[in-house]
Amino acid sequence: MTDSTKTPRERYRQQVREEVKEKAWQQIAGSGASALSLNAIAKQMGMSGPALYRYFANRDELITELIRDAYRSLADAFITAAGGAGRPDLAGLAHVLRRWALADPHRYFLVYGTPVPGYHAPPDVTAIASELMSVLLDACATPGAEPHAVEDHLAAHRAWAGSHPDAPPSALHLALTFWSRLHGVLSLELAGHFTGMGLDPALLFDAEVDRLVTP
């Protein structure tokens, strides 16, 4: 449904939900996702708590919407970078990931940081996340180095590969290595752990990418 076909009530509801999400991001920036409070947001917006609950039933529904938006934006960025023609470029995806992370560290940490206590994402959020891994596995489907023992394990534990059930173990290995190593560098950079070390995090990130894409 487009905005032009929505009723005034539906457009108003969408507008309020977007404002709630904006206030939620401000809260997360100030005190973290675990401290997110619908009542505090209602007070900021000049609404009663019960009135706001007509737009988001509870805190978890709001967190789900924020995570869904975050994953969707990164998945769309990956899909756009892949271009739909041939195999996606692994180094290109790495830099898409870094630009996305640096653009909004709070969004990054909501999906890739410490899990929110007591929160469990619904299946549709997991499905969006799997789109990312699908593009990544396409980029990793190249002959790799000599087989590693972990690839025997991955051959039997490939449920996470989603739409790529027949991906070779070498591609699974490279995809997981890419995801874990680059998120490791990004998490340390965004959390400020490189501050004061006198190094350029971008160069460190590029060096990790080079190691991943060079046979």
C-alpha atoms as a PDB file:
ATOM      1  CA  MET A   1       0.000   0.000   0.000  1.00  0.00           C
ATOM      2  CA  THR A   2       1.406   3.391  -1.040  1.00  0.00           C
ATOM      3  CA  ASP A   3       0.993   6.617   0.911  1.00  0.00           C
ATOM      4  CA  SER A   4      -1.429   7.904  -1.717  1.00  0.00           C
ATOM      5  CA  THR A   5      -3.821   4.994  -1.158  1.00  0.00           C
ATOM      6  CA  LYS A   6      -3.751   5.166   2.644  1.00  0.00           C
ATOM      7  CA  THR A   7      -6.548   6.760   4.598  1.00  0.00           C
ATOM      8  CA  PRO A   8      -5.787   9.844   6.719  1.00  0.00           C
ATOM      9  CA  ARG A   9      -5.997   7.623   9.814  1.00  0.00           C
ATOM     10  CA  GLU A  10      -3.460   5.190   8.351  1.00  0.00           C
ATOM     11  CA  ARG A  11      -1.099   8.003   7.371  1.00  0.00           C
ATOM     12  CA  TYR A  12      -1.346   9.492  10.849  1.00  0.00           C
ATOM     13  CA  ARG A  13      -0.656   6.108  12.424  1.00  0.00           C
ATOM     14  CA  GLN A  14       2.430   5.663  10.239  1.00  0.00           C
ATOM     15  CA  GLN A  15       3.614   9.166  11.138  1.00  0.00           C
ATOM     16  CA  VAL A  16       3.281   8.484  14.863  1.00  0.00           C
ATOM     17  CA  ARG A  17       5.070   5.129  14.561  1.00  0.00           C
ATOM     18  CA  GLU A  18       7.963   6.810  12.737  1.00  0.00           C
ATOM     19  CA  GLU A  19       8.196   9.474  15.438  1.00  0.00           C
ATOM     20  CA  VAL A  20       8.204   6.785  18.129  1.00  0.00           C
ATOM     21  CA  LYS A  21      11.066   5.017  16.358  1.00  0.00           C
ATOM     22  CA  GLU A  22      12.993   8.277  16.108  1.00  0.00           C
ATOM     23  CA  LYS A  23      12.614   8.826  19.855  1.00  0.00           C
ATOM     24  CA  ALA A  24      13.603   5.218  20.475  1.00  0.00           C
ATOM     25  CA  TRP A  25      16.862   5.681  18.579  1.00  0.00           C
ATOM     26  CA  GLN A  26      17.566   8.756  20.690  1.00  0.00           C
ATOM     27  CA  GLN A  27      17.044   6.686  23.846  1.00  0.00           C
ATOM     28  CA  ILE A  28      19.277   3.927  22.550  1.00  0.00           C
ATOM     29  CA  ALA A  29      21.994   6.461  21.762  1.00  0.00           C
ATOM     30  CA  GLY A  30      21.787   7.801  25.299  1.00  0.00           C
ATOM     31  CA  SER A  31      21.426   4.701  27.444  1.00  0.00           C
ATOM     32  CA  GLY A  32      21.330   1.567  25.268  1.00  0.00           C
ATOM     33  CA  ALA A  33      18.579  -0.672  23.968  1.00  0.00           C
ATOM     34  CA  SER A  34      18.131  -2.502  27.262  1.00  0.00           C
ATOM     35  CA  ALA A  35      16.898   0.749  28.839  1.00  0.00           C
ATOM     36  CA  LEU A  36      14.327   1.448  26.112  1.00  0.00           C
ATOM     37  CA  SER A  37      11.051   2.645  27.670  1.00  0.00           C
ATOM     38  CA  LEU A  38       7.755   3.196  25.894  1.00  0.00           C
ATOM     39  CA  ASN A  39       6.491   5.237  28.831  1.00  0.00           C
ATOM     40  CA  ALA A  40       9.479   7.579  28.564  1.00  0.00           C
ATOM     41  CA  ILE A  41       8.862   7.978  24.833  1.00  0.00           C
ATOM     42  CA  ALA A  42       5.179   8.679  25.485  1.00  0.00           C
ATOM     43  CA  LYS A  43       6.148  11.419  27.929  1.00  0.00           C
ATOM     44  CA  GLN A  44       8.499  12.984  25.372  1.00  0.00           C
ATOM     45  CA  MET A  45       5.712  13.005  22.803  1.00  0.00           C
ATOM     46  CA  GLY A  46       3.130  14.421  25.183  1.00  0.00           C
ATOM     47  CA  MET A  47       1.092  11.213  25.169  1.00  0.00           C
ATOM     48  CA  SER A  48      -0.092   8.852  27.854  1.00  0.00           C
ATOM     49  CA  GLY A  49       1.445   5.399  28.094  1.00  0.00           C
ATOM     50  CA  PRO A  50      -1.819   3.633  27.169  1.00  0.00           C
ATOM     51  CA  ALA A  51      -2.196   5.901  24.114  1.00  0.00           C
ATOM     52  CA  LEU A  52       1.263   4.974  22.839  1.00  0.00           C
ATOM     53  CA  TYR A  53       0.548   1.276  23.301  1.00  0.00           C
ATOM     54  CA  ARG A  54      -1.989   1.582  20.490  1.00  0.00           C
ATOM     55  CA  TYR A  55       0.967   2.042  18.140  1.00  0.00           C
ATOM     56  CA  PHE A  56       3.403  -0.448  19.653  1.00  0.00           C
ATOM     57  CA  ALA A  57       1.986  -3.124  21.926  1.00  0.00           C
ATOM     58  CA  ASN A  58       5.167  -3.444  23.988  1.00  0.00           C
ATOM     59  CA  ARG A  59       8.889  -2.788  24.089  1.00  0.00           C
ATOM     60  CA  ASP A  60       9.741  -5.943  22.157  1.00  0.00           C
ATOM     61  CA  GLU A  61       7.499  -4.965  19.257  1.00  0.00           C
ATOM     62  CA  LEU A  62       9.301  -1.628  19.038  1.00  0.00           C
ATOM     63  CA  ILE A  63      12.729  -3.281  19.197  1.00  0.00           C
ATOM     64  CA  THR A  64      11.656  -5.705  16.479  1.00  0.00           C
ATOM     65  CA  GLU A  65      10.668  -2.824  14.235  1.00  0.00           C
ATOM     66  CA  LEU A  66      14.005  -1.093  14.789  1.00  0.00           C
ATOM     67  CA  ILE A  67      15.961  -4.292  14.112  1.00  0.00           C
ATOM     68  CA  ARG A  68      13.830  -5.058  11.069  1.00  0.00           C
ATOM     69  CA  ASP A  69      14.562  -1.591   9.645  1.00  0.00           C
ATOM     70  CA  ALA A  70      18.276  -1.994  10.360  1.00  0.00           C
ATOM     71  CA  TYR A  71      18.598  -5.404   8.727  1.00  0.00           C
ATOM     72  CA  ARG A  72      16.485  -4.267   5.783  1.00  0.00           C
ATOM     73  CA  SER A  73      18.726  -1.280   5.115  1.00  0.00           C
ATOM     74  CA  LEU A  74      21.904  -3.409   5.192  1.00  0.00           C
ATOM     75  CA  ALA A  75      20.344  -6.189   3.106  1.00  0.00           C
ATOM     76  CA  ASP A  76      19.218  -3.640   0.512  1.00  0.00           C
ATOM     77  CA  ALA A  77      22.712  -2.134   0.454  1.00  0.00           C
ATOM     78  CA  PHE A  78      24.233  -5.591  -0.114  1.00  0.00           C
ATOM     79  CA  ILE A  79      21.730  -6.439  -2.842  1.00  0.00           C
ATOM     80  CA  THR A  80      22.355  -3.110  -4.573  1.00  0.00           C
ATOM     81  CA  ALA A  81      26.118  -3.648  -4.399  1.00  0.00           C
ATOM     82  CA  ALA A  82      25.735  -7.159  -5.821  1.00  0.00           C
ATOM     83  CA  GLY A  83      24.037  -5.598  -8.833  1.00  0.00           C
ATOM     84  CA  GLY A  84      22.235  -8.761  -9.904  1.00  0.00           C
ATOM     85  CA  ALA A  85      24.846  -9.575 -12.550  1.00  0.00           C
ATOM     86  CA  GLY A  86      27.449 -12.243 -11.982  1.00  0.00           C
ATOM     87  CA  ARG A  87      29.102 -12.931  -8.652  1.00  0.00           C
ATOM     88  CA  PRO A  88      29.136 -10.113  -6.068  1.00  0.00           C
ATOM     89  CA  ASP A  89      32.514  -8.628  -5.265  1.00  0.00           C
ATOM     90  CA  LEU A  90      33.622  -9.700  -1.791  1.00  0.00           C
ATOM     91  CA  ALA A  91      35.787  -6.637  -1.176  1.00  0.00           C
ATOM     92  CA  GLY A  92      32.949  -4.406  -2.343  1.00  0.00           C
ATOM     93  CA  LEU A  93      30.575  -6.012   0.159  1.00  0.00           C
ATOM     94  CA  ALA A  94      33.133  -5.513   2.912  1.00  0.00           C
ATOM     95  CA  HIS A  95      33.220  -1.781   2.289  1.00  0.00           C
ATOM     96  CA  VAL A  96      29.438  -1.591   2.045  1.00  0.00           C
ATOM     97  CA  LEU A  97      29.331  -3.169   5.510  1.00  0.00           C
ATOM     98  CA  ARG A  98      31.840  -0.685   6.928  1.00  0.00           C
ATOM     99  CA  ARG A  99      30.105   2.358   5.451  1.00  0.00           C
ATOM    100  CA  TRP A 100      26.770   1.147   6.825  1.00  0.00           C
ATOM    101  CA  ALA A 101      28.273   0.577  10.272  1.00  0.00           C
ATOM    102  CA  LEU A 102      30.041   3.929  10.456  1.00  0.00           C
ATOM    103  CA  ALA A 103      26.929   5.781   9.263  1.00  0.00           C
ATOM    104  CA  ASP A 104      25.035   4.802  12.427  1.00  0.00           C
ATOM    105  CA  PRO A 105      26.978   2.934  15.146  1.00  0.00           C
ATOM    106  CA  HIS A 106      23.903   2.628  17.394  1.00  0.00           C
ATOM    107  CA  ARG A 107      22.020   0.850  14.611  1.00  0.00           C
ATOM    108  CA  TYR A 108      25.029  -1.416  14.092  1.00  0.00           C
ATOM    109  CA  PHE A 109      25.278  -2.352  17.759  1.00  0.00           C
ATOM    110  CA  LEU A 110      21.538  -3.000  18.015  1.00  0.00           C
ATOM    111  CA  VAL A 111      21.836  -5.869  15.544  1.00  0.00           C
ATOM    112  CA  TYR A 112      25.460  -6.959  16.028  1.00  0.00           C
ATOM    113  CA  GLY A 113      26.224  -5.953  19.597  1.00  0.00           C
ATOM    114  CA  THR A 114      25.243  -7.459  22.932  1.00  0.00           C
ATOM    115  CA  PRO A 115      21.750  -9.035  22.696  1.00  0.00           C
ATOM    116  CA  VAL A 116      18.962  -7.188  24.509  1.00  0.00           C
ATOM    117  CA  PRO A 117      18.142  -9.240  27.653  1.00  0.00           C
ATOM    118  CA  GLY A 118      14.892 -11.153  27.300  1.00  0.00           C
ATOM    119  CA  TYR A 119      14.373 -10.238  23.651  1.00  0.00           C
ATOM    120  CA  HIS A 120      13.948 -12.840  20.887  1.00  0.00           C
ATOM    121  CA  ALA A 121      13.630 -11.772  17.252  1.00  0.00           C
ATOM    122  CA  PRO A 122      10.678 -13.195  15.275  1.00  0.00           C
ATOM    123  CA  PRO A 123      11.251 -15.385  12.179  1.00  0.00           C
ATOM    124  CA  ASP A 124      10.734 -12.605   9.633  1.00  0.00           C
ATOM    125  CA  VAL A 125      13.695 -10.694  11.078  1.00  0.00           C
ATOM    126  CA  THR A 126      15.845 -13.799  10.767  1.00  0.00           C
ATOM    127  CA  ALA A 127      14.682 -14.127   7.159  1.00  0.00           C
ATOM    128  CA  ILE A 128      15.931 -10.624   6.341  1.00  0.00           C
ATOM    129  CA  ALA A 129      19.267 -11.402   7.975  1.00  0.00           C
ATOM    130  CA  SER A 130      19.516 -14.530   5.821  1.00  0.00           C
ATOM    131  CA  GLU A 131      19.345 -12.333   2.698  1.00  0.00           C
ATOM    132  CA  LEU A 132      22.679 -10.851   3.759  1.00  0.00           C
ATOM    133  CA  MET A 133      24.251 -14.270   4.089  1.00  0.00           C
ATOM    134  CA  SER A 134      22.806 -15.284   0.731  1.00  0.00           C
ATOM    135  CA  VAL A 135      24.580 -12.423  -1.056  1.00  0.00           C
ATOM    136  CA  LEU A 136      27.754 -13.140   0.897  1.00  0.00           C
ATOM    137  CA  LEU A 137      27.718 -16.827  -0.014  1.00  0.00           C
ATOM    138  CA  ASP A 138      27.358 -15.916  -3.678  1.00  0.00           C
ATOM    139  CA  ALA A 139      30.484 -13.779  -3.338  1.00  0.00           C
ATOM    140  CA  CYS A 140      32.356 -16.592  -1.587  1.00  0.00           C
ATOM    141  CA  ALA A 141      31.609 -19.276  -4.185  1.00  0.00           C
ATOM    142  CA  THR A 142      35.153 -19.405  -5.529  1.00  0.00           C
ATOM    143  CA  PRO A 143      37.910 -22.002  -5.276  1.00  0.00           C
ATOM    144  CA  GLY A 144      39.694 -21.403  -2.019  1.00  0.00           C
ATOM    145  CA  ALA A 145      42.826 -22.573  -0.296  1.00  0.00           C
ATOM    146  CA  GLU A 146      43.556 -26.110   0.826  1.00  0.00           C
ATOM    147  CA  PRO A 147      40.591 -27.661   2.704  1.00  0.00           C
ATOM    148  CA  HIS A 148      40.557 -27.038   6.451  1.00  0.00           C
ATOM    149  CA  ALA A 149      39.251 -29.429   9.097  1.00  0.00           C
ATOM    150  CA  VAL A 150      36.460 -26.982   9.975  1.00  0.00           C
ATOM    151  CA  GLU A 151      35.013 -27.483   6.497  1.00  0.00           C
ATOM    152  CA  ASP A 152      34.103 -31.071   7.314  1.00  0.00           C
ATOM    153  CA  HIS A 153      32.156 -29.704  10.268  1.00  0.00           C
ATOM    154  CA  LEU A 154      30.478 -27.028   8.163  1.00  0.00           C
ATOM    155  CA  ALA A 155      29.482 -29.592   5.552  1.00  0.00           C
ATOM    156  CA  ALA A 156      27.284 -31.210   8.202  1.00  0.00           C
ATOM    157  CA  HIS A 157      26.116 -27.962   9.835  1.00  0.00           C
ATOM    158  CA  ARG A 158      24.845 -25.784   7.016  1.00  0.00           C
ATOM    159  CA  ALA A 159      21.279 -24.912   8.059  1.00  0.00           C
ATOM    160  CA  TRP A 160      22.301 -21.263   8.432  1.00  0.00           C
ATOM    161  CA  ALA A 161      23.149 -21.165   4.699  1.00  0.00           C
ATOM    162  CA  GLY A 162      19.431 -20.821   3.942  1.00  0.00           C
ATOM    163  CA  SER A 163      18.913 -20.488   0.190  1.00  0.00           C
ATOM    164  CA  HIS A 164      22.355 -22.000  -0.491  1.00  0.00           C
ATOM    165  CA  PRO A 165      21.958 -25.574   0.809  1.00  0.00           C
ATOM    166  CA  ASP A 166      24.472 -26.861  -1.753  1.00  0.00           C
ATOM    167  CA  ALA A 167      27.173 -24.248  -1.149  1.00  0.00           C
ATOM    168  CA  PRO A 168      30.580 -25.937  -0.964  1.00  0.00           C
ATOM    169  CA  PRO A 169      32.184 -26.098   2.487  1.00  0.00           C
ATOM    170  CA  SER A 170      34.957 -23.779   1.289  1.00  0.00           C
ATOM    171  CA  ALA A 171      32.366 -21.056   0.568  1.00  0.00           C
ATOM    172  CA  LEU A 172      30.734 -21.591   3.958  1.00  0.00           C
ATOM    173  CA  HIS A 173      34.147 -21.302   5.617  1.00  0.00           C
ATOM    174  CA  LEU A 174      35.053 -18.110   3.777  1.00  0.00           C
ATOM    175  CA  ALA A 175      31.665 -16.514   4.472  1.00  0.00           C
ATOM    176  CA  LEU A 176      31.893 -17.200   8.205  1.00  0.00           C
ATOM    177  CA  THR A 177      35.507 -16.016   8.308  1.00  0.00           C
ATOM    178  CA  PHE A 178      34.529 -12.827   6.479  1.00  0.00           C
ATOM    179  CA  TRP A 179      31.598 -12.190   8.827  1.00  0.00           C
ATOM    180  CA  SER A 180      33.457 -12.868  12.065  1.00  0.00           C
ATOM    181  CA  ARG A 181      36.744 -11.109  11.281  1.00  0.00           C
ATOM    182  CA  LEU A 182      35.256  -7.964   9.780  1.00  0.00           C
ATOM    183  CA  HIS A 183      32.635  -7.625  12.491  1.00  0.00           C
ATOM    184  CA  GLY A 184      35.426  -8.031  15.009  1.00  0.00           C
ATOM    185  CA  VAL A 185      37.362  -5.091  13.565  1.00  0.00           C
ATOM    186  CA  LEU A 186      34.224  -2.971  13.169  1.00  0.00           C
ATOM    187  CA  SER A 187      32.993  -3.655  16.702  1.00  0.00           C
ATOM    188  CA  LEU A 188      36.329  -2.621  18.190  1.00  0.00           C
ATOM    189  CA  GLU A 189      36.493   0.504  16.015  1.00  0.00           C
ATOM    190  CA  LEU A 190      32.929   1.641  16.760  1.00  0.00           C
ATOM    191  CA  ALA A 191      33.356   1.000  20.476  1.00  0.00           C
ATOM    192  CA  GLY A 192      36.416   3.266  20.490  1.00  0.00           C
ATOM    193  CA  HIS A 193      38.973   0.617  21.399  1.00  0.00           C
ATOM    194  CA  PHE A 194      41.432   1.846  18.762  1.00  0.00           C
ATOM    195  CA  THR A 195      41.324   5.389  20.119  1.00  0.00           C
ATOM    196  CA  GLY A 196      44.710   6.439  21.387  1.00  0.00           C
ATOM    197  CA  MET A 197      46.543   3.583  19.666  1.00  0.00           C
ATOM    198  CA  GLY A 198      47.778   5.843  16.886  1.00  0.00           C
ATOM    199  CA  LEU A 199      46.541   3.604  14.054  1.00  0.00           C
ATOM    200  CA  ASP A 200      44.095   4.055  11.200  1.00  0.00           C
ATOM    201  CA  PRO A 201      41.155   1.614  11.595  1.00  0.00           C
ATOM    202  CA  ALA A 202      40.346   1.960   7.889  1.00  0.00           C
ATOM    203  CA  LEU A 203      43.773   0.607   6.934  1.00  0.00           C
ATOM    204  CA  LEU A 204      43.414  -2.260   9.394  1.00  0.00           C
ATOM    205  CA  PHE A 205      40.020  -3.083   7.929  1.00  0.00           C
ATOM    206  CA  ASP A 206      41.419  -2.951   4.383  1.00  0.00           C
ATOM    207  CA  ALA A 207      44.263  -5.286   5.373  1.00  0.00           C
ATOM    208  CA  GLU A 208      41.762  -7.828   6.703  1.00  0.00           C
ATOM    209  CA  VAL A 209      39.736  -7.570   3.499  1.00  0.00           C
ATOM    210  CA  ASP A 210      42.868  -8.114   1.400  1.00  0.00           C
ATOM    211  CA  ARG A 211      43.719 -11.229   3.383  1.00  0.00           C
ATOM    212  CA  LEU A 212      40.209 -12.565   2.824  1.00  0.00           C
ATOM    213  CA  VAL A 213      39.987 -11.952  -0.913  1.00  0.00           C
ATOM    214  CA  THR A 214      43.545 -12.953  -1.843  1.00  0.00           C
ATOM    215  CA  PRO A 215      43.857 -16.723  -2.428  1.00  0.00           C
END
